[in-house]
Protein backbone atom coordinates (compact mmCIF):
# COMPACT_ATOMS: atom_id res chain seq x y z
CA MET A 1 -63.45 44.87 -64.57
CA ALA A 2 -63.01 48.12 -62.64
CA ALA A 3 -59.77 49.96 -63.28
CA ARG A 4 -57.11 49.55 -60.61
CA THR A 5 -54.88 52.43 -61.79
CA THR A 6 -55.47 56.11 -62.48
CA LEU A 7 -52.89 58.07 -64.44
CA VAL A 8 -52.03 61.55 -63.16
CA THR A 9 -50.02 63.95 -65.30
CA ILE A 10 -49.00 67.57 -64.74
CA THR A 11 -48.98 69.94 -67.71
CA HIS A 12 -47.36 73.30 -68.28
CA ASN A 13 -47.15 74.22 -71.95
CA GLY A 14 -46.57 70.59 -72.87
CA GLY A 15 -48.47 70.63 -76.14
CA LEU A 16 -45.48 69.39 -78.13
CA VAL A 17 -45.33 66.11 -76.21
CA ILE A 18 -48.52 65.28 -74.36
CA GLY A 19 -50.20 63.74 -77.38
CA GLY A 20 -47.58 60.99 -77.41
CA LEU A 21 -48.28 60.13 -73.78
CA LEU A 22 -52.04 60.06 -74.23
CA LYS A 23 -51.90 57.89 -77.35
CA SER A 24 -49.66 55.38 -75.57
CA LEU A 25 -52.15 54.82 -72.75
CA PRO A 26 -54.81 52.11 -72.58
CA LYS A 27 -58.08 53.73 -73.57
CA ASP A 28 -59.82 52.56 -70.40
CA ILE A 29 -57.34 53.92 -67.85
CA PRO A 30 -58.82 56.82 -65.85
CA LEU A 31 -56.90 60.03 -66.53
CA ILE A 32 -56.41 63.14 -64.39
CA VAL A 33 -54.62 66.14 -65.88
CA VAL A 34 -53.52 68.96 -63.59
CA ASP A 35 -52.61 72.04 -65.60
CA ASN A 36 -50.22 74.64 -64.22
CA ALA A 37 -51.49 77.68 -66.14
CA SER A 38 -50.56 76.56 -69.65
CA THR A 39 -50.85 79.16 -72.39
CA ASP A 40 -50.44 76.75 -75.31
CA ASP A 41 -52.75 74.07 -76.74
CA SER A 42 -51.98 71.40 -74.12
CA LEU A 43 -55.53 71.11 -72.83
CA ASP A 44 -57.06 71.26 -76.32
CA ILE A 45 -55.00 68.19 -77.18
CA VAL A 46 -56.12 66.45 -74.00
CA SER A 47 -59.78 67.21 -74.73
CA GLU A 48 -59.44 65.93 -78.29
CA ILE A 49 -57.67 62.66 -77.49
CA ARG A 50 -59.20 61.94 -74.07
CA PRO A 51 -62.49 63.84 -73.70
CA ASP A 52 -63.21 61.73 -70.62
CA ALA A 53 -60.20 63.10 -68.71
CA LEU A 54 -60.69 65.01 -65.48
CA ILE A 55 -58.89 68.33 -65.94
CA ILE A 56 -57.88 70.50 -62.99
CA ARG A 57 -56.99 74.01 -64.13
CA ASN A 58 -54.69 76.13 -61.96
CA SER A 59 -54.71 79.86 -62.60
CA LYS A 60 -51.00 79.98 -61.73
CA GLY A 61 -48.22 77.44 -61.73
CA LEU A 62 -48.00 75.65 -58.39
CA GLY A 63 -44.95 73.54 -59.22
CA TYR A 64 -44.82 69.80 -59.70
CA GLY A 65 -45.44 68.45 -56.20
CA ALA A 66 -48.36 70.69 -55.27
CA ALA A 67 -50.07 70.00 -58.61
CA ALA A 68 -49.42 66.26 -58.34
CA SER A 69 -51.00 66.28 -54.89
CA GLN A 70 -54.09 67.94 -56.34
CA GLY A 71 -54.40 65.09 -58.81
CA LEU A 72 -53.70 62.39 -56.23
CA ALA A 73 -56.48 63.77 -54.05
CA LYS A 74 -58.94 62.88 -56.85
CA VAL A 75 -57.73 59.30 -57.32
CA ASP A 76 -60.13 56.59 -56.13
CA THR A 77 -58.36 53.54 -57.56
CA GLU A 78 -55.90 51.21 -55.84
CA PHE A 79 -52.89 52.73 -57.63
CA ALA A 80 -51.89 56.05 -59.14
CA LEU A 81 -49.46 56.21 -62.04
CA LEU A 82 -47.67 59.55 -62.07
CA ALA A 83 -46.24 60.31 -65.50
CA ASN A 84 -44.66 63.41 -67.00
CA PRO A 85 -46.28 64.54 -70.26
CA ASP A 86 -43.03 63.83 -72.13
CA ALA A 87 -43.21 60.11 -71.30
CA VAL A 88 -44.44 57.43 -73.71
CA MET A 89 -45.51 54.03 -72.39
CA ALA A 90 -44.37 50.88 -74.16
CA GLU A 91 -46.99 48.19 -74.63
CA GLY A 92 -47.54 46.37 -71.36
CA ALA A 93 -45.54 48.87 -69.31
CA ILE A 94 -48.38 49.70 -66.93
CA ASP A 95 -49.45 46.06 -66.54
CA ALA A 96 -45.86 45.14 -65.62
CA LEU A 97 -45.82 47.75 -62.85
CA VAL A 98 -49.14 46.52 -61.44
CA ASP A 99 -47.93 42.90 -61.63
CA ALA A 100 -44.86 43.90 -59.61
CA ALA A 101 -47.10 45.62 -57.07
CA ASP A 102 -49.08 42.40 -56.69
CA THR A 103 -45.85 40.44 -56.21
CA TYR A 104 -44.07 42.82 -53.82
CA ARG A 105 -46.84 43.84 -51.47
CA GLU A 106 -44.52 45.48 -48.94
CA ALA A 107 -43.34 47.94 -51.59
CA ALA A 108 -45.07 51.28 -52.15
CA MET A 109 -43.52 52.64 -55.35
CA PHE A 110 -42.64 50.97 -58.64
CA GLY A 111 -40.63 52.53 -61.45
CA PRO A 112 -40.03 51.49 -65.06
CA ILE A 113 -36.85 51.34 -67.11
CA HIS A 114 -36.38 54.64 -68.96
CA LYS A 115 -35.07 55.03 -72.48
CA ASP A 116 -34.43 58.23 -74.40
CA ALA A 117 -35.81 59.08 -77.82
CA ASN A 118 -32.96 57.15 -79.47
CA GLY A 119 -33.64 54.02 -77.46
CA HIS A 120 -30.64 54.44 -75.19
CA LEU A 121 -30.89 53.59 -71.51
CA GLU A 122 -31.62 56.56 -69.25
CA LEU A 123 -30.90 55.54 -65.67
CA SER A 124 -33.77 56.40 -63.38
CA HIS A 125 -32.83 54.75 -60.06
CA ASP A 126 -30.18 55.55 -57.49
CA VAL A 127 -29.14 55.42 -53.86
CA GLU A 128 -30.42 58.05 -51.46
CA LEU A 129 -29.20 61.61 -51.87
CA TRP A 130 -26.39 61.58 -49.30
CA LYS A 131 -24.80 58.46 -50.80
CA ARG A 132 -24.50 59.84 -54.31
CA ARG A 133 -21.29 60.82 -55.99
CA SER A 134 -20.08 64.32 -55.32
CA HIS A 135 -20.20 65.22 -59.02
CA GLY A 136 -23.92 64.47 -59.13
CA LYS A 137 -24.05 61.48 -61.46
CA LEU A 138 -26.07 58.38 -60.69
CA ALA A 139 -24.39 55.73 -58.61
CA TYR A 140 -25.36 52.96 -61.02
CA GLU A 141 -24.00 52.50 -64.54
CA CYS A 142 -26.53 49.94 -65.78
CA ALA A 143 -30.05 48.70 -65.16
CA PRO A 144 -30.68 45.30 -63.58
CA GLU A 145 -32.06 42.47 -65.68
CA GLY A 146 -34.84 41.76 -63.18
CA PRO A 147 -36.77 43.59 -60.46
CA ALA A 148 -34.52 45.41 -58.00
CA CYS A 149 -35.09 47.05 -54.64
CA VAL A 150 -33.60 50.56 -54.80
CA GLU A 151 -33.38 53.65 -52.61
CA PHE A 152 -34.55 56.21 -55.18
CA LEU A 153 -36.83 56.17 -58.22
CA SER A 154 -37.25 59.03 -60.67
CA GLY A 155 -40.43 61.02 -60.32
CA ALA A 156 -40.84 61.15 -64.10
CA VAL A 157 -42.90 57.93 -64.13
CA ASN A 158 -43.84 55.78 -61.17
CA LEU A 159 -46.70 53.73 -59.78
CA VAL A 160 -47.70 54.29 -56.13
CA ARG A 161 -50.09 52.59 -53.72
CA MET A 162 -52.80 55.01 -52.73
CA ASN A 163 -53.42 53.38 -49.35
CA VAL A 164 -49.77 54.02 -48.45
CA LEU A 165 -49.86 57.62 -49.64
CA SER A 166 -53.00 58.24 -47.61
CA THR A 167 -50.90 57.41 -44.55
CA VAL A 168 -47.49 58.84 -45.51
CA GLY A 169 -48.92 61.90 -47.22
CA PHE A 170 -48.67 63.38 -50.69
CA TYR A 171 -45.83 65.60 -51.92
CA ASP A 172 -44.28 68.13 -49.56
CA PRO A 173 -46.19 71.37 -50.32
CA GLU A 174 -43.20 73.56 -49.44
CA ILE A 175 -41.15 72.22 -52.37
CA TYR A 176 -41.96 74.08 -55.59
CA LEU A 177 -39.61 72.25 -57.96
CA TYR A 178 -36.83 69.64 -57.71
CA PHE A 179 -36.05 67.08 -54.99
CA GLU A 180 -39.76 66.42 -54.42
CA ASP A 181 -39.16 62.87 -55.69
CA ASP A 182 -36.18 62.44 -53.35
CA ASP A 183 -38.37 63.55 -50.48
CA MET A 184 -41.18 61.18 -51.40
CA CYS A 185 -38.79 58.23 -51.71
CA MET A 186 -37.22 59.11 -48.38
CA ARG A 187 -40.57 59.27 -46.60
CA LEU A 188 -41.80 55.99 -48.07
CA ARG A 189 -38.62 54.21 -47.02
CA LYS A 190 -38.65 55.74 -43.55
CA ALA A 191 -42.21 54.41 -43.20
CA GLY A 192 -40.90 50.90 -43.91
CA HIS A 193 -41.86 50.50 -47.58
CA SER A 194 -39.65 49.32 -50.43
CA LEU A 195 -39.15 50.93 -53.85
CA ILE A 196 -38.92 48.53 -56.81
CA LEU A 197 -37.36 49.12 -60.23
CA VAL A 198 -39.33 46.94 -62.65
CA SER A 199 -37.18 45.89 -65.60
CA ALA A 200 -40.17 44.41 -67.46
CA SER A 201 -41.75 47.88 -67.68
CA VAL A 202 -40.25 50.30 -70.22
CA VAL A 203 -41.05 53.92 -71.02
CA THR A 204 -39.54 56.42 -73.41
CA HIS A 205 -38.68 59.72 -71.77
CA LEU A 206 -38.42 62.53 -74.32
CA ASN A 207 -36.95 65.03 -71.84
CA GLY A 208 -38.55 68.25 -72.90
CA GLY A 209 -41.49 70.01 -74.45
CA SER A 210 -42.91 71.56 -71.29
CA VAL A 211 -40.77 74.70 -71.09
CA ARG A 212 -39.48 77.48 -73.32
CA PRO A 213 -35.86 78.08 -72.22
CA ASN A 214 -34.97 81.73 -71.60
CA ARG A 215 -33.25 83.75 -68.87
CA ALA A 216 -36.30 83.65 -66.60
CA TYR A 217 -36.60 79.87 -67.02
CA TYR A 218 -32.94 79.27 -66.21
CA TRP A 219 -33.15 81.53 -63.15
CA GLU A 220 -36.24 79.71 -61.85
CA LYS A 221 -34.71 76.30 -62.53
CA PHE A 222 -31.38 76.79 -60.81
CA TRP A 223 -32.78 78.96 -58.01
CA ASN A 224 -35.18 76.15 -57.11
CA ILE A 225 -32.57 73.40 -57.48
CA ALA A 226 -30.43 75.26 -54.96
CA TRP A 227 -33.31 76.17 -52.64
CA SER A 228 -34.73 72.65 -52.58
CA ARG A 229 -31.35 71.09 -51.88
CA ILE A 230 -30.91 73.24 -48.77
CA TYR A 231 -34.51 72.66 -47.70
CA PHE A 232 -34.00 68.91 -48.01
CA GLU A 233 -30.83 69.08 -45.92
CA THR A 234 -32.61 71.08 -43.24
CA LYS A 235 -35.66 68.82 -43.20
CA TYR A 236 -33.71 65.63 -42.58
CA LYS A 237 -30.52 66.78 -40.86
CA GLY A 238 -31.63 69.85 -38.93
CA ARG A 239 -31.41 73.63 -39.13
CA LEU A 240 -27.70 73.82 -38.34
CA ALA A 241 -26.74 71.38 -41.10
CA GLY A 242 -29.02 73.14 -43.58
CA SER A 243 -27.67 76.58 -42.73
CA TYR A 244 -24.08 75.42 -43.01
CA LEU A 245 -24.68 73.86 -46.43
CA GLY A 246 -26.67 76.89 -47.57
CA VAL A 247 -24.01 79.43 -46.60
CA THR A 248 -21.32 77.25 -48.17
CA HIS A 249 -23.25 76.91 -51.42
CA CYS A 250 -24.14 80.61 -51.46
CA ALA A 251 -20.46 81.60 -51.25
CA ARG A 252 -19.30 78.89 -53.64
CA PHE A 253 -21.78 79.73 -56.39
CA ALA A 254 -21.34 83.48 -55.95
CA GLY A 255 -17.62 82.99 -56.54
CA LYS A 256 -18.28 80.88 -59.61
CA ALA A 257 -20.73 83.46 -60.95
CA LEU A 258 -18.11 86.19 -60.56
CA LEU A 259 -15.48 84.06 -62.32
CA HIS A 260 -17.83 83.28 -65.20
CA GLY A 261 -18.70 86.96 -65.46
CA LEU A 262 -15.04 87.91 -65.74
CA THR A 263 -14.53 85.32 -68.47
CA LEU A 264 -17.70 86.43 -70.29
CA GLN A 265 -19.44 83.07 -69.79
CA ARG A 266 -22.74 84.79 -69.20
CA LYS A 267 -25.03 81.76 -69.27
CA LYS A 268 -22.95 79.93 -66.65
CA GLY A 269 -22.67 83.10 -64.61
CA TRP A 270 -26.45 83.55 -64.62
CA ARG A 271 -26.90 79.91 -63.61
CA ASP A 272 -24.51 80.16 -60.67
CA LEU A 273 -25.90 83.50 -59.55
CA ALA A 274 -29.33 81.84 -59.37
CA ARG A 275 -27.84 78.97 -57.37
CA SER A 276 -26.25 81.39 -54.94
CA ALA A 277 -29.48 83.34 -54.53
CA GLY A 278 -31.56 80.19 -54.04
CA SER A 279 -29.18 78.86 -51.40
CA LEU A 280 -29.26 82.16 -49.48
CA ALA A 281 -33.05 82.34 -49.74
CA ALA A 282 -33.40 78.92 -48.16
CA VAL A 283 -31.09 79.87 -45.28
CA ILE A 284 -32.98 83.05 -44.42
CA GLY A 285 -36.38 81.39 -44.68
CA VAL A 286 -37.74 82.61 -48.02
CA ARG A 287 -40.43 80.19 -49.20
CA ALA A 288 -40.35 78.59 -52.65
CA SER A 289 -43.91 77.27 -52.58
CA LYS A 290 -46.58 79.25 -54.40
CA LEU A 291 -49.25 77.96 -52.02
CA PRO A 292 -50.39 80.37 -49.28
CA PRO A 293 -49.07 79.30 -45.86
CA GLU A 294 -52.61 78.82 -44.57
CA ASN A 295 -53.20 76.17 -47.27
CA ILE A 296 -50.28 74.04 -46.08
CA ARG A 297 -50.91 71.48 -43.36
């Protein structure tokens, strides 16, 4: 029987974890690996465990969404399963997602239950961004016992219908990191498609292994979190709303950075300075994407 699902994963120095993902996959599932300029042994591990994998090598990191779109463009099966390299599939997890897709044909995205390395529940569904709690935590405190229609599914692992994505489009190429999954969920729902959390599908999310934390990493992370949040606001609520939020966040995080500096909390100060800079950059039109403008349509 021809495969119905292709797995797409994005690597960036994920050698510590990607072996676990690959070993947890059915041996006959087509695999596409998009590498964002890894300098470790990530691709050696892929070649050893899955020599049949299609590997796309980027000479520089393009971020998650742009790289995922590269992989999706190569998928010729009915579904694509996007999975971070630090995810491990439980037995039957992929089949449960496909079964849900066959049951809920109006839905476009299907997400599994996430557990951490200790087996504890890691909530991976939520309401849309503007309905979330002000302190940033998920709106839900527990996972449902059966399938549930939700407004947001984590981008760490999800199954998507390729015929829907061919109409709605792949990931927004202007977003380098963060909120690309919010944007995808928003666009699928606006196009009239449901998102389903599938309780019968379980994955372990190890949360790490793809980065080497340092000052440059923390700056990039929090700069992009801030930039993408303002971009998202502008995209869906307009330039005025985005500018207002951006200026507010810029001032707020600059003040926090100064306070942390005075109290010698250097790590927090660096984080908030990056947030302030990212917010300002979004307001004045600095791009986060590493793709040339002429490559974005």
